[in-house]
Amino acid sequence: MGDREPGYRITDLATSDRPRERLASLGAGALSNAELIAILLRTGIEGMNAVQLAQRVLNDFGGLVGLHKAPYDELCQQRGVGPAKATQLKAAVELGRRLSVALPEERPTIQSPEDAAALLLYEMGALEQEHFRVLLLDTRNHLIRTVEVYQGSLNTSLIRVGEVFKEAVRSNAAAIIVAHNHPSGDPTPSPDDINVTRALVEAGRLLDIEVLDHLVIGKNRFVSLKAKGLGFNST
């Protein structure tokens, strides 16, 4: 069980499919989350190589966010993981979290809808429930952090404006970008999406926190309501 269970190693994969070799030749950005985690796991279990095991762990915990929130003891109990690998995974995820709150010049700068979507599309496009997230930005559009406001069965018409801006006020954010996903995969904005955008833009004016955009995330694609002029017209 755990770290001691014999299994398939990364070296059992064809050279062109090995995550470490792919990282060396293509760069870390070319690898999927599962491939990056497989590098940390090193070995799989019987009938499952390291990449497949990594994908199963991601699925079991609901992606990177779930892996970050997972209790250490629960991660240790995952078949094929165990204490040593759980420690490595937790350390790697914590480094990623610390990077997100690093010095402003090291944080991502959001200059376009594509920049914002690049931070959200891969994960949110695969979520099976609706999530509503807020990107908090400073005066230079550096990302301060991303907060999740709602999760589950979501009707955007029921979103409370105060909840959306709460962390922005606490973090002294100068601007925000809001985003939510459509689990159907179709990012076409609904009338409710447009109405809530209009309400958020107006509230942002009153709070002096500009709403730069509202992204609707679908499967491998997104819609910028700002680019479409939906909900951002002057009232």
Foldseek 3Di string as FASTA:
>chain_A
DAQPADFAFLVVDDLVPRLVNCCVVPNPVVDDQLNVLLVLLRAAHHPAGSSRLSVVVCVVQQHLVSLQVDDLVVQCPPPSHHNVSSVVSNVVSVVVVVQCQDPQVSADADDDPVSVCVVPQVRQQQDQWKWKKKFFAAPRRGTNHMDTQDIGHDDLLPDDLCSRCVVNVVVVGQEMEMEMEDNVQDQDDDPSNLVSLLVNQVVCVVVNYHHPWYWYHGNVDIDTCVVVVRNPDDD
